[in-house]
C-alpha atoms as a PDB file:
ATOM      1  CA  PRO A   1     -26.664  -8.342 -24.953  1.00  0.00           C
ATOM      2  CA  PRO A   2     -28.311  -7.396 -21.627  1.00  0.00           C
ATOM      3  CA  MET A   3     -31.813  -5.936 -21.719  1.00  0.00           C
ATOM      4  CA  PRO A   4     -31.656  -2.132 -21.553  1.00  0.00           C
ATOM      5  CA  LYS A   5     -32.570  -0.416 -18.276  1.00  0.00           C
ATOM      6  CA  PHE A   6     -35.043   2.454 -18.244  1.00  0.00           C
ATOM      7  CA  GLU A   7     -35.818   5.265 -15.811  1.00  0.00           C
ATOM      8  CA  THR A   8     -39.202   6.429 -17.117  1.00  0.00           C
ATOM      9  CA  LEU A   9     -40.855   3.169 -18.144  1.00  0.00           C
ATOM     10  CA  LEU A  10     -41.103  -0.487 -17.176  1.00  0.00           C
ATOM     11  CA  TYR A  11     -40.273  -3.225 -19.669  1.00  0.00           C
ATOM     12  CA  GLU A  12     -41.181  -6.873 -19.151  1.00  0.00           C
ATOM     13  CA  ILE A  13     -41.720  -9.926 -21.327  1.00  0.00           C
ATOM     14  CA  GLU A  14     -44.352 -12.563 -20.596  1.00  0.00           C
ATOM     15  CA  SER A  15     -45.877 -15.236 -22.841  1.00  0.00           C
ATOM     16  CA  GLY A  16     -44.510 -13.695 -26.020  1.00  0.00           C
ATOM     17  CA  ARG A  17     -45.717 -10.202 -25.165  1.00  0.00           C
ATOM     18  CA  ALA A  18     -43.581  -7.212 -24.275  1.00  0.00           C
ATOM     19  CA  ARG A  19     -45.405  -4.990 -21.800  1.00  0.00           C
ATOM     20  CA  ILE A  20     -44.179  -1.414 -21.847  1.00  0.00           C
ATOM     21  CA  THR A  21     -45.552   0.702 -19.015  1.00  0.00           C
ATOM     22  CA  LEU A  22     -45.147   4.469 -19.040  1.00  0.00           C
ATOM     23  CA  ASN A  23     -43.951   4.973 -15.476  1.00  0.00           C
ATOM     24  CA  ARG A  24     -44.281   8.590 -14.444  1.00  0.00           C
ATOM     25  CA  PRO A  25     -47.518   8.267 -12.454  1.00  0.00           C
ATOM     26  CA  GLU A  26     -46.832  11.422 -10.430  1.00  0.00           C
ATOM     27  CA  LYS A  27     -46.947  13.332 -13.752  1.00  0.00           C
ATOM     28  CA  ARG A  28     -49.793  11.239 -15.173  1.00  0.00           C
ATOM     29  CA  ASN A  29     -47.180   9.798 -17.544  1.00  0.00           C
ATOM     30  CA  ALA A  30     -46.630  13.095 -19.306  1.00  0.00           C
ATOM     31  CA  LEU A  31     -44.282  12.667 -22.263  1.00  0.00           C
ATOM     32  CA  SER A  32     -40.880  14.082 -21.419  1.00  0.00           C
ATOM     33  CA  PHE A  33     -38.156  13.941 -24.027  1.00  0.00           C
ATOM     34  CA  GLN A  34     -36.415  11.249 -21.946  1.00  0.00           C
ATOM     35  CA  LEU A  35     -39.553   9.112 -21.845  1.00  0.00           C
ATOM     36  CA  GLN A  36     -39.923   9.363 -25.608  1.00  0.00           C
ATOM     37  CA  GLU A  37     -36.272   8.409 -26.114  1.00  0.00           C
ATOM     38  CA  GLU A  38     -36.673   5.413 -23.834  1.00  0.00           C
ATOM     39  CA  LEU A  39     -39.969   4.385 -25.442  1.00  0.00           C
ATOM     40  CA  HIS A  40     -38.280   4.471 -28.845  1.00  0.00           C
ATOM     41  CA  GLU A  41     -35.464   2.261 -27.546  1.00  0.00           C
ATOM     42  CA  ALA A  42     -37.853  -0.174 -25.823  1.00  0.00           C
ATOM     43  CA  LEU A  43     -40.010  -0.568 -28.939  1.00  0.00           C
ATOM     44  CA  TRP A  44     -37.082  -1.427 -31.173  1.00  0.00           C
ATOM     45  CA  GLU A  45     -35.763  -3.792 -28.482  1.00  0.00           C
ATOM     46  CA  ALA A  46     -39.113  -5.603 -28.590  1.00  0.00           C
ATOM     47  CA  ASP A  47     -39.124  -5.635 -32.391  1.00  0.00           C
ATOM     48  CA  ASN A  48     -35.635  -7.145 -32.429  1.00  0.00           C
ATOM     49  CA  ASP A  49     -36.361  -9.825 -29.797  1.00  0.00           C
ATOM     50  CA  THR A  50     -37.519 -13.061 -31.428  1.00  0.00           C
ATOM     51  CA  GLU A  51     -39.313 -14.112 -28.221  1.00  0.00           C
ATOM     52  CA  VAL A  52     -41.651 -11.128 -28.550  1.00  0.00           C
ATOM     53  CA  HIS A  53     -44.649 -11.397 -30.865  1.00  0.00           C
ATOM     54  CA  ALA A  54     -46.647  -8.325 -29.796  1.00  0.00           C
ATOM     55  CA  VAL A  55     -46.335  -5.249 -27.589  1.00  0.00           C
ATOM     56  CA  ILE A  56     -48.798  -3.906 -25.033  1.00  0.00           C
ATOM     57  CA  LEU A  57     -48.384  -0.222 -24.204  1.00  0.00           C
ATOM     58  CA  ARG A  58     -49.993   1.020 -20.996  1.00  0.00           C
ATOM     59  CA  GLY A  59     -49.624   3.646 -18.271  1.00  0.00           C
ATOM     60  CA  ALA A  60     -48.945   3.389 -14.554  1.00  0.00           C
ATOM     61  CA  GLY A  61     -51.212   5.076 -12.028  1.00  0.00           C
ATOM     62  CA  ARG A  62     -54.463   6.855 -12.824  1.00  0.00           C
ATOM     63  CA  SER A  63     -53.889   7.664 -16.494  1.00  0.00           C
ATOM     64  CA  PHE A  64     -52.544   6.253 -19.714  1.00  0.00           C
ATOM     65  CA  CYS A  65     -50.928   9.579 -20.623  1.00  0.00           C
ATOM     66  CA  ALA A  66     -52.193  13.093 -19.924  1.00  0.00           C
ATOM     67  CA  GLY A  67     -50.096  14.848 -22.576  1.00  0.00           C
ATOM     68  CA  TYR A  68     -46.667  16.342 -23.150  1.00  0.00           C
ATOM     69  CA  ASP A  69     -44.395  17.376 -20.306  1.00  0.00           C
ATOM     70  CA  LEU A  70     -43.991  21.117 -20.796  1.00  0.00           C
ATOM     71  CA  ALA A  71     -40.943  21.368 -18.520  1.00  0.00           C
ATOM     72  CA  PRO A  72     -37.686  22.255 -20.336  1.00  0.00           C
ATOM     73  CA  ALA A  73     -36.541  19.312 -22.430  1.00  0.00           C
ATOM     74  CA  ARG A  74     -33.365  17.460 -21.640  1.00  0.00           C
ATOM     75  CA  GLY A  75     -30.783  17.322 -24.404  1.00  0.00           C
ATOM     76  CA  THR A  76     -31.339  20.729 -25.959  1.00  0.00           C
ATOM     77  CA  GLY A  77     -27.981  22.213 -24.974  1.00  0.00           C
ATOM     78  CA  PRO A  78     -24.549  21.620 -26.515  1.00  0.00           C
ATOM     79  CA  PRO A  79     -23.062  18.145 -26.088  1.00  0.00           C
ATOM     80  CA  PRO A  80     -20.414  17.736 -23.367  1.00  0.00           C
ATOM     81  CA  GLY A  81     -16.965  18.800 -24.502  1.00  0.00           C
ATOM     82  CA  GLU A  82     -18.239  21.153 -27.204  1.00  0.00           C
ATOM     83  CA  PRO A  83     -18.452  24.583 -25.549  1.00  0.00           C
ATOM     84  CA  GLY A  84     -19.343  27.590 -27.646  1.00  0.00           C
ATOM     85  CA  ARG A  85     -21.562  25.743 -30.110  1.00  0.00           C
ATOM     86  CA  THR A  86     -25.188  26.745 -30.437  1.00  0.00           C
ATOM     87  CA  TYR A  87     -27.958  24.176 -30.780  1.00  0.00           C
ATOM     88  CA  ARG A  88     -31.664  24.551 -31.246  1.00  0.00           C
ATOM     89  CA  GLY A  89     -33.673  25.309 -28.149  1.00  0.00           C
ATOM     90  CA  PHE A  90     -37.183  26.758 -27.941  1.00  0.00           C
ATOM     91  CA  ARG A  91     -36.503  30.370 -28.873  1.00  0.00           C
ATOM     92  CA  GLY A  92     -39.096  30.726 -31.611  1.00  0.00           C
ATOM     93  CA  PHE A  93     -41.495  29.013 -33.963  1.00  0.00           C
ATOM     94  CA  GLU A  94     -38.784  27.463 -36.153  1.00  0.00           C
ATOM     95  CA  ASP A  95     -37.014  25.923 -33.140  1.00  0.00           C
ATOM     96  CA  ASP A  96     -40.296  24.695 -31.694  1.00  0.00           C
ATOM     97  CA  ALA A  97     -41.319  23.065 -34.987  1.00  0.00           C
ATOM     98  CA  TRP A  98     -37.895  21.402 -35.252  1.00  0.00           C
ATOM     99  CA  GLN A  99     -38.204  20.000 -31.725  1.00  0.00           C
ATOM    100  CA  LEU A 100     -41.687  18.654 -32.502  1.00  0.00           C
ATOM    101  CA  GLU A 101     -40.337  16.891 -35.582  1.00  0.00           C
ATOM    102  CA  ARG A 102     -37.435  15.487 -33.562  1.00  0.00           C
ATOM    103  CA  GLN A 103     -39.827  13.953 -31.042  1.00  0.00           C
ATOM    104  CA  GLN A 104     -42.140  12.701 -33.786  1.00  0.00           C
ATOM    105  CA  ARG A 105     -39.262  10.673 -35.225  1.00  0.00           C
ATOM    106  CA  LEU A 106     -38.956   8.937 -31.850  1.00  0.00           C
ATOM    107  CA  ARG A 107     -42.688   8.187 -31.619  1.00  0.00           C
ATOM    108  CA  MET A 108     -42.893   6.815 -35.166  1.00  0.00           C
ATOM    109  CA  ALA A 109     -41.327   3.576 -33.920  1.00  0.00           C
ATOM    110  CA  LEU A 110     -44.876   2.651 -32.849  1.00  0.00           C
ATOM    111  CA  PHE A 111     -46.025   2.886 -36.458  1.00  0.00           C
ATOM    112  CA  ASP A 112     -42.879   1.662 -38.211  1.00  0.00           C
ATOM    113  CA  MET A 113     -41.969  -1.434 -36.199  1.00  0.00           C
ATOM    114  CA  HIS A 114     -42.886  -4.837 -37.590  1.00  0.00           C
ATOM    115  CA  LYS A 115     -44.760  -6.262 -34.595  1.00  0.00           C
ATOM    116  CA  PRO A 116     -48.255  -5.167 -33.574  1.00  0.00           C
ATOM    117  CA  VAL A 117     -48.677  -2.734 -30.697  1.00  0.00           C
ATOM    118  CA  VAL A 118     -51.874  -2.616 -28.638  1.00  0.00           C
ATOM    119  CA  ALA A 119     -52.536   0.478 -26.528  1.00  0.00           C
ATOM    120  CA  GLN A 120     -54.208  -0.392 -23.209  1.00  0.00           C
ATOM    121  CA  VAL A 121     -55.873   2.907 -22.336  1.00  0.00           C
ATOM    122  CA  HIS A 122     -57.387   3.859 -19.001  1.00  0.00           C
ATOM    123  CA  GLY A 123     -57.968   7.212 -17.359  1.00  0.00           C
ATOM    124  CA  HIS A 124     -56.840  10.180 -19.407  1.00  0.00           C
ATOM    125  CA  CYS A 125     -55.465   9.863 -22.924  1.00  0.00           C
ATOM    126  CA  LEU A 126     -55.048  13.507 -23.838  1.00  0.00           C
ATOM    127  CA  ALA A 127     -52.956  15.598 -26.237  1.00  0.00           C
ATOM    128  CA  GLY A 128     -49.567  13.830 -26.460  1.00  0.00           C
ATOM    129  CA  GLY A 129     -51.232  10.699 -25.108  1.00  0.00           C
ATOM    130  CA  THR A 130     -53.335  10.540 -28.257  1.00  0.00           C
ATOM    131  CA  ASP A 131     -50.199  11.116 -30.340  1.00  0.00           C
ATOM    132  CA  ILE A 132     -48.804   7.796 -29.114  1.00  0.00           C
ATOM    133  CA  ALA A 133     -52.089   5.854 -28.817  1.00  0.00           C
ATOM    134  CA  LEU A 134     -53.119   6.651 -32.406  1.00  0.00           C
ATOM    135  CA  LEU A 135     -49.782   5.394 -33.736  1.00  0.00           C
ATOM    136  CA  CYS A 136     -50.506   1.955 -32.240  1.00  0.00           C
ATOM    137  CA  ASP A 137     -52.105  -0.797 -34.296  1.00  0.00           C
ATOM    138  CA  MET A 138     -55.087  -1.163 -31.963  1.00  0.00           C
ATOM    139  CA  ILE A 139     -56.521   0.662 -28.965  1.00  0.00           C
ATOM    140  CA  ILE A 140     -58.499  -1.172 -26.288  1.00  0.00           C
ATOM    141  CA  ALA A 141     -59.934   1.264 -23.792  1.00  0.00           C
ATOM    142  CA  ALA A 142     -61.684   1.345 -20.472  1.00  0.00           C
ATOM    143  CA  GLU A 143     -65.245   2.507 -20.950  1.00  0.00           C
ATOM    144  CA  ASN A 144     -64.603   5.492 -18.677  1.00  0.00           C
ATOM    145  CA  ALA A 145     -61.346   6.523 -20.337  1.00  0.00           C
ATOM    146  CA  VAL A 146     -61.185  10.064 -21.727  1.00  0.00           C
ATOM    147  CA  PHE A 147     -59.723  10.798 -25.181  1.00  0.00           C
ATOM    148  CA  GLY A 148     -59.062  14.209 -26.705  1.00  0.00           C
ATOM    149  CA  PHE A 149     -56.617  16.942 -27.657  1.00  0.00           C
ATOM    150  CA  PRO A 150     -57.887  20.018 -25.748  1.00  0.00           C
ATOM    151  CA  PRO A 151     -54.935  22.267 -26.780  1.00  0.00           C
ATOM    152  CA  ALA A 152     -56.066  21.847 -30.408  1.00  0.00           C
ATOM    153  CA  ARG A 153     -58.437  24.763 -29.762  1.00  0.00           C
ATOM    154  CA  ASP A 154     -55.559  27.218 -30.185  1.00  0.00           C
ATOM    155  CA  LEU A 155     -52.621  25.248 -31.618  1.00  0.00           C
ATOM    156  CA  GLY A 156     -53.653  24.792 -35.239  1.00  0.00           C
ATOM    157  CA  ALA A 157     -52.098  21.697 -36.864  1.00  0.00           C
ATOM    158  CA  LEU A 158     -51.327  19.011 -34.283  1.00  0.00           C
ATOM    159  CA  PRO A 159     -47.948  17.261 -33.886  1.00  0.00           C
ATOM    160  CA  ASN A 160     -49.338  14.274 -35.771  1.00  0.00           C
ATOM    161  CA  ASN A 161     -52.717  13.845 -37.394  1.00  0.00           C
ATOM    162  CA  MET A 162     -53.415  10.140 -37.099  1.00  0.00           C
ATOM    163  CA  TRP A 163     -56.980  11.104 -36.216  1.00  0.00           C
ATOM    164  CA  LEU A 164     -57.812  11.163 -39.918  1.00  0.00           C
ATOM    165  CA  TYR A 165     -56.164   7.765 -40.464  1.00  0.00           C
ATOM    166  CA  ASN A 166     -58.220   6.199 -37.660  1.00  0.00           C
ATOM    167  CA  LEU A 167     -61.523   8.112 -37.732  1.00  0.00           C
ATOM    168  CA  GLY A 168     -62.124   9.429 -41.216  1.00  0.00           C
ATOM    169  CA  PRO A 169     -62.510  13.126 -42.039  1.00  0.00           C
ATOM    170  CA  GLN A 170     -65.725  14.066 -40.223  1.00  0.00           C
ATOM    171  CA  TRP A 171     -64.908  12.815 -36.738  1.00  0.00           C
ATOM    172  CA  ALA A 172     -61.284  13.887 -37.117  1.00  0.00           C
ATOM    173  CA  LYS A 173     -62.444  17.432 -37.872  1.00  0.00           C
ATOM    174  CA  ARG A 174     -65.051  17.332 -35.119  1.00  0.00           C
ATOM    175  CA  LEU A 175     -62.551  16.418 -32.400  1.00  0.00           C
ATOM    176  CA  THR A 176     -59.463  18.296 -33.535  1.00  0.00           C
ATOM    177  CA  LEU A 177     -61.219  21.552 -34.416  1.00  0.00           C
ATOM    178  CA  THR A 178     -63.036  21.710 -31.096  1.00  0.00           C
ATOM    179  CA  GLY A 179     -60.607  20.027 -28.704  1.00  0.00           C
ATOM    180  CA  ASP A 180     -63.579  18.178 -27.205  1.00  0.00           C
ATOM    181  CA  THR A 181     -63.208  14.798 -25.508  1.00  0.00           C
ATOM    182  CA  VAL A 182     -64.978  11.447 -25.859  1.00  0.00           C
ATOM    183  CA  THR A 183     -65.237   8.534 -23.450  1.00  0.00           C
ATOM    184  CA  GLY A 184     -63.793   5.103 -24.116  1.00  0.00           C
ATOM    185  CA  THR A 185     -67.272   3.849 -24.948  1.00  0.00           C
ATOM    186  CA  GLU A 186     -67.764   6.642 -27.494  1.00  0.00           C
ATOM    187  CA  ALA A 187     -64.244   6.076 -28.855  1.00  0.00           C
ATOM    188  CA  ALA A 188     -65.148   2.478 -29.705  1.00  0.00           C
ATOM    189  CA  GLN A 189     -68.362   3.596 -31.393  1.00  0.00           C
ATOM    190  CA  ILE A 190     -66.574   6.002 -33.751  1.00  0.00           C
ATOM    191  CA  GLY A 191     -63.562   3.796 -34.515  1.00  0.00           C
ATOM    192  CA  LEU A 192     -61.017   5.587 -32.347  1.00  0.00           C
ATOM    193  CA  ALA A 193     -60.731   2.403 -30.257  1.00  0.00           C
ATOM    194  CA  LEU A 194     -61.170  -1.215 -31.309  1.00  0.00           C
ATOM    195  CA  LYS A 195     -63.327  -1.915 -28.275  1.00  0.00           C
ATOM    196  CA  ALA A 196     -64.216  -0.572 -24.835  1.00  0.00           C
ATOM    197  CA  VAL A 197     -64.561  -2.711 -21.715  1.00  0.00           C
ATOM    198  CA  PRO A 198     -65.093  -2.033 -18.011  1.00  0.00           C
ATOM    199  CA  GLU A 199     -61.856  -0.826 -16.406  1.00  0.00           C
ATOM    200  CA  GLU A 200     -61.538  -3.780 -14.032  1.00  0.00           C
ATOM    201  CA  PRO A 201     -61.005  -6.513 -16.705  1.00  0.00           C
ATOM    202  CA  LEU A 202     -59.148  -4.197 -19.120  1.00  0.00           C
ATOM    203  CA  GLU A 203     -55.768  -5.913 -18.777  1.00  0.00           C
ATOM    204  CA  ALA A 204     -57.290  -9.376 -19.267  1.00  0.00           C
ATOM    205  CA  GLN A 205     -59.132  -8.193 -22.373  1.00  0.00           C
ATOM    206  CA  VAL A 206     -55.952  -6.762 -23.869  1.00  0.00           C
ATOM    207  CA  ALA A 207     -54.120 -10.044 -23.303  1.00  0.00           C
ATOM    208  CA  VAL A 208     -56.632 -11.940 -25.471  1.00  0.00           C
ATOM    209  CA  PRO A 209     -55.211 -12.389 -28.988  1.00  0.00           C
ATOM    210  CA  TYR A 210     -57.006 -10.569 -31.801  1.00  0.00           C
END
């Protein structure tokens, strides 16, 4: 079958690696519902392709991913041809929680797929950006990258809590209770990233097998 076409990301295969690039640089690659749908599809395409042995996930422009796109989500209305039916929107807490769970099912492809995924992080990796980076098998970061979940200061439980899985309880509490940020260098020191390198050779470092 032909390789799927995407509007919000770039998908390419080279030397046994599938490179998936979040491609909304004007929005700092904020996670829209469409982007998450397409990322889910691209990841399972890579997992299914026998020429692909690993996936590199990166962002176009100045950031890896600056968070969730808070614009109204596509796909929350009734399907075409079914007028008069009511579907969940964002009218209250229950709807909001359901929508978060719906999107989490899409992102879990990063964790559930068989092939390893390396997050190549530069610039900002904030809020929703950490929700996808921490589901990857490894994170290699630019030393000057910025990691954190600032909205945690008033949101309570986060959409996913892979912080604990990656950092252990003390650093997970420290970062998610305060919403503070750490640099790529600090992220490598506390186990949030596998390693940190200068931004210029970041792509070459990620391409080295581990």
